[in-house]
Amino acid sequence: MIPQEELDGYRADYAKKKKAREYARDWYNDPNHPERAERRRAYQAAIKAGCPLPRKTRVDAVPVGEKKERTRGIKQRSQKRRYEARRHDTAFRVNQMFNRARRRAREEGLPFTITRADLVVADFCPVLGIKMEWSQTHGPKDGSPSLDKMVPALGYVPGNVVVISHRANRIKTDANLAELRRVVAFYADKLPE
């Protein structure tokens, strides 16, 4: 058990930090804060008087003749290599599909009760029968697995989602069954098979 004196010390520190946070919040959010107004008046007076203002110096400035070490590009390249290695992993891609669906459900206000186990990626599209494989370039291809809500208004709930090919999902988009039947009936005799 913590002694009472130590608890009182923690409470005092917390109260002091809380007061400092509130003061900082007031300082940044209130343009008419007394100290900000005073600093602004002094700055404007210095400008009117023609005083040279202090120049800001770059912390990471490199002396003349020396080259700065390039670390930003190295970090970006290592992140890209890690992504390249993982993007061929089916579990990684299913996890991406799951997280993106969860984000869309949150943005659209739809229910989201599926789990990663509900996302079963078959070898062939259950709608068109084409081979499904993850795209190795940027952007989905016709055979890329895509998560489909059979009834969009129901959201991402078990029994309402199925993994189909991107092409089948593009064909379906937001059409209902009656509309799809009308399209098939219209083009059935007009297009050669």
Protein backbone atom coordinates (compact mmCIF):
# COMPACT_ATOMS: atom_id res chain seq x y z
CA MET A 1 0.00 0.00 0.00
CA ILE A 2 1.26 3.49 -0.86
CA PRO A 3 1.84 5.80 2.14
CA GLN A 4 -0.51 8.79 2.49
CA GLU A 5 2.34 11.34 2.15
CA GLU A 6 3.36 9.86 -1.19
CA LEU A 7 -0.26 9.91 -2.41
CA ASP A 8 -0.57 13.58 -1.37
CA GLY A 9 2.62 14.34 -3.33
CA TYR A 10 1.20 12.64 -6.43
CA ARG A 11 -2.06 14.58 -6.09
CA ALA A 12 -0.20 17.88 -5.71
CA ASP A 13 1.91 17.13 -8.81
CA TYR A 14 -1.20 16.21 -10.78
CA ALA A 15 -2.99 19.39 -9.70
CA LYS A 16 0.04 21.49 -10.69
CA LYS A 17 0.29 19.82 -14.11
CA LYS A 18 -3.46 20.16 -14.67
CA LYS A 19 -3.30 23.87 -13.89
CA ALA A 20 -0.36 24.29 -16.30
CA ARG A 21 -2.29 22.43 -19.05
CA GLU A 22 -5.34 24.66 -18.54
CA TYR A 23 -3.16 27.78 -18.64
CA ALA A 24 -1.49 26.61 -21.86
CA ARG A 25 -4.86 25.82 -23.39
CA ASP A 26 -6.11 29.30 -22.49
CA TRP A 27 -2.91 30.81 -23.88
CA TYR A 28 -3.22 29.12 -27.27
CA ASN A 29 -7.00 29.38 -27.67
CA ASP A 30 -7.50 32.97 -26.46
CA PRO A 31 -5.93 35.63 -28.71
CA ASN A 32 -6.70 38.26 -26.06
CA HIS A 33 -4.88 36.46 -23.25
CA PRO A 34 -3.11 39.12 -21.12
CA GLU A 35 0.41 37.81 -21.76
CA ARG A 36 -0.20 37.33 -25.47
CA ALA A 37 -1.60 40.83 -25.79
CA GLU A 38 1.45 42.25 -23.95
CA ARG A 39 3.89 40.39 -26.16
CA ARG A 40 2.03 41.51 -29.28
CA ARG A 41 2.17 45.16 -28.16
CA ALA A 42 5.92 44.91 -27.48
CA TYR A 43 6.51 43.26 -30.87
CA GLN A 44 4.53 45.93 -32.72
CA ALA A 45 6.34 48.71 -30.83
CA ALA A 46 9.70 47.19 -31.81
CA ILE A 47 8.64 47.12 -35.46
CA LYS A 48 7.55 50.80 -35.33
CA ALA A 49 10.82 51.78 -33.66
CA GLY A 50 12.77 50.07 -36.44
CA CYS A 51 14.52 47.59 -34.15
CA PRO A 52 15.93 44.55 -35.96
CA LEU A 53 13.94 41.48 -35.11
CA PRO A 54 15.80 38.31 -34.10
CA ARG A 55 16.08 35.86 -37.01
CA LYS A 56 14.97 32.32 -36.45
CA THR A 57 17.81 29.86 -36.92
CA ARG A 58 17.28 26.35 -38.18
CA VAL A 59 18.11 23.76 -35.57
CA ASP A 60 19.13 21.23 -38.19
CA ALA A 61 21.22 23.70 -40.22
CA VAL A 62 24.39 22.14 -41.61
CA PRO A 63 27.67 24.12 -41.64
CA VAL A 64 28.90 25.18 -45.06
CA GLY A 65 30.96 22.49 -46.75
CA GLU A 66 29.38 19.57 -44.86
CA LYS A 67 26.70 17.29 -46.27
CA LYS A 68 23.62 16.53 -44.24
CA GLU A 69 22.96 12.83 -43.70
CA ARG A 70 19.87 11.73 -45.58
CA THR A 71 17.71 9.76 -43.17
CA ARG A 72 14.24 10.54 -44.45
CA GLY A 73 14.64 8.60 -47.68
CA ILE A 74 16.17 5.64 -45.87
CA LYS A 75 13.17 5.37 -43.54
CA GLN A 76 10.70 5.61 -46.41
CA ARG A 77 12.54 2.95 -48.40
CA SER A 78 12.61 0.55 -45.45
CA GLN A 79 8.87 1.04 -44.88
CA LYS A 80 8.24 0.36 -48.56
CA ARG A 81 10.32 -2.84 -48.43
CA ARG A 82 8.37 -4.06 -45.39
CA TYR A 83 5.08 -3.38 -47.18
CA GLU A 84 6.31 -5.10 -50.36
CA ALA A 85 7.22 -8.20 -48.33
CA ARG A 86 3.85 -8.31 -46.57
CA ARG A 87 1.52 -7.55 -49.45
CA HIS A 88 1.88 -11.09 -50.83
CA ASP A 89 0.64 -12.49 -47.51
CA THR A 90 -3.07 -13.40 -47.65
CA ALA A 91 -3.56 -12.81 -43.92
CA PHE A 92 -2.13 -9.29 -44.29
CA ARG A 93 -4.45 -8.54 -47.23
CA VAL A 94 -7.53 -9.93 -45.42
CA ASN A 95 -6.62 -7.78 -42.41
CA GLN A 96 -6.40 -4.73 -44.71
CA MET A 97 -9.80 -5.59 -46.21
CA PHE A 98 -11.29 -5.95 -42.72
CA ASN A 99 -9.86 -2.63 -41.45
CA ARG A 100 -11.01 -0.71 -44.53
CA ALA A 101 -14.52 -2.16 -44.24
CA ARG A 102 -14.62 -1.18 -40.56
CA ARG A 103 -13.56 2.37 -41.45
CA ARG A 104 -16.23 2.62 -44.20
CA ALA A 105 -18.89 1.32 -41.79
CA ARG A 106 -17.90 3.94 -39.22
CA GLU A 107 -17.98 6.72 -41.83
CA GLU A 108 -21.34 5.63 -43.27
CA GLY A 109 -22.93 4.82 -39.89
CA LEU A 110 -23.54 1.16 -40.77
CA PRO A 111 -23.49 -1.78 -38.34
CA PHE A 112 -20.23 -3.73 -38.26
CA THR A 113 -20.32 -7.09 -36.49
CA ILE A 114 -18.23 -9.33 -38.76
CA THR A 115 -14.91 -10.83 -37.73
CA ARG A 116 -11.82 -11.61 -39.76
CA ALA A 117 -12.92 -15.26 -39.83
CA ASP A 118 -16.04 -14.23 -41.80
CA LEU A 119 -13.82 -13.08 -44.69
CA VAL A 120 -13.11 -16.28 -46.61
CA VAL A 121 -11.17 -15.73 -49.84
CA ALA A 122 -11.80 -18.55 -52.31
CA ASP A 123 -9.54 -19.47 -55.23
CA PHE A 124 -12.26 -18.65 -57.76
CA CYS A 125 -14.95 -15.95 -57.76
CA PRO A 126 -18.29 -17.47 -56.67
CA VAL A 127 -20.14 -15.18 -59.13
CA LEU A 128 -18.07 -15.15 -62.34
CA GLY A 129 -15.83 -18.17 -61.80
CA ILE A 130 -12.63 -16.26 -62.60
CA LYS A 131 -9.43 -16.91 -60.66
CA MET A 132 -9.09 -14.55 -57.71
CA GLU A 133 -5.61 -13.30 -56.84
CA TRP A 134 -4.35 -10.19 -55.12
CA SER A 135 -3.11 -7.43 -57.39
CA GLN A 136 0.69 -7.10 -57.39
CA THR A 137 0.54 -3.50 -58.63
CA HIS A 138 -1.25 -0.45 -57.34
CA GLY A 139 -5.03 -0.64 -57.65
CA PRO A 140 -7.30 -3.65 -57.90
CA LYS A 141 -7.52 -5.84 -61.01
CA ASP A 142 -10.59 -7.70 -62.27
CA GLY A 143 -9.64 -10.83 -60.32
CA SER A 144 -8.75 -9.06 -57.07
CA PRO A 145 -10.80 -10.16 -54.04
CA SER A 146 -13.37 -7.57 -53.00
CA LEU A 147 -15.75 -7.45 -50.04
CA ASP A 148 -19.40 -7.19 -51.07
CA LYS A 149 -22.44 -6.33 -48.97
CA MET A 150 -25.29 -8.28 -50.53
CA VAL A 151 -27.86 -5.82 -49.11
CA PRO A 152 -25.95 -2.53 -48.62
CA ALA A 153 -28.41 -1.09 -46.09
CA LEU A 154 -27.85 -4.00 -43.66
CA GLY A 155 -24.16 -3.18 -43.30
CA TYR A 156 -21.29 -5.50 -42.47
CA VAL A 157 -23.05 -8.28 -40.57
CA PRO A 158 -22.44 -12.05 -40.83
CA GLY A 159 -24.42 -13.57 -43.69
CA ASN A 160 -24.60 -10.25 -45.56
CA VAL A 161 -20.99 -10.09 -46.71
CA VAL A 162 -19.17 -12.23 -49.24
CA VAL A 163 -15.75 -11.98 -50.87
CA ILE A 164 -16.15 -11.85 -54.66
CA SER A 165 -13.97 -10.61 -57.51
CA HIS A 166 -13.54 -6.90 -58.06
CA ARG A 167 -15.14 -7.23 -61.52
CA ALA A 168 -18.29 -8.87 -60.10
CA ASN A 169 -18.51 -6.19 -57.42
CA ARG A 170 -18.11 -3.44 -60.03
CA ILE A 171 -20.89 -4.98 -62.12
CA LYS A 172 -23.18 -5.12 -59.10
CA THR A 173 -22.22 -1.78 -57.48
CA ASP A 174 -25.50 -0.55 -56.04
CA ALA A 175 -27.99 -2.30 -58.34
CA ASN A 176 -30.70 -4.50 -56.87
CA LEU A 177 -31.81 -7.88 -58.26
CA ALA A 178 -34.70 -6.48 -60.34
CA GLU A 179 -32.41 -3.93 -62.00
CA LEU A 180 -29.81 -6.59 -62.81
CA ARG A 181 -32.53 -8.81 -64.38
CA ARG A 182 -33.68 -5.88 -66.55
CA VAL A 183 -30.11 -5.26 -67.75
CA VAL A 184 -29.67 -8.96 -68.59
CA ALA A 185 -33.03 -9.07 -70.41
CA PHE A 186 -32.16 -5.95 -72.42
CA TYR A 187 -28.74 -7.18 -73.57
CA ALA A 188 -29.57 -10.91 -73.88
CA ASP A 189 -30.59 -10.74 -77.54
CA LYS A 190 -28.48 -7.69 -78.52
CA LEU A 191 -25.00 -8.89 -77.61
CA PRO A 192 -23.28 -11.97 -79.02
CA GLU A 193 -22.02 -14.45 -76.45
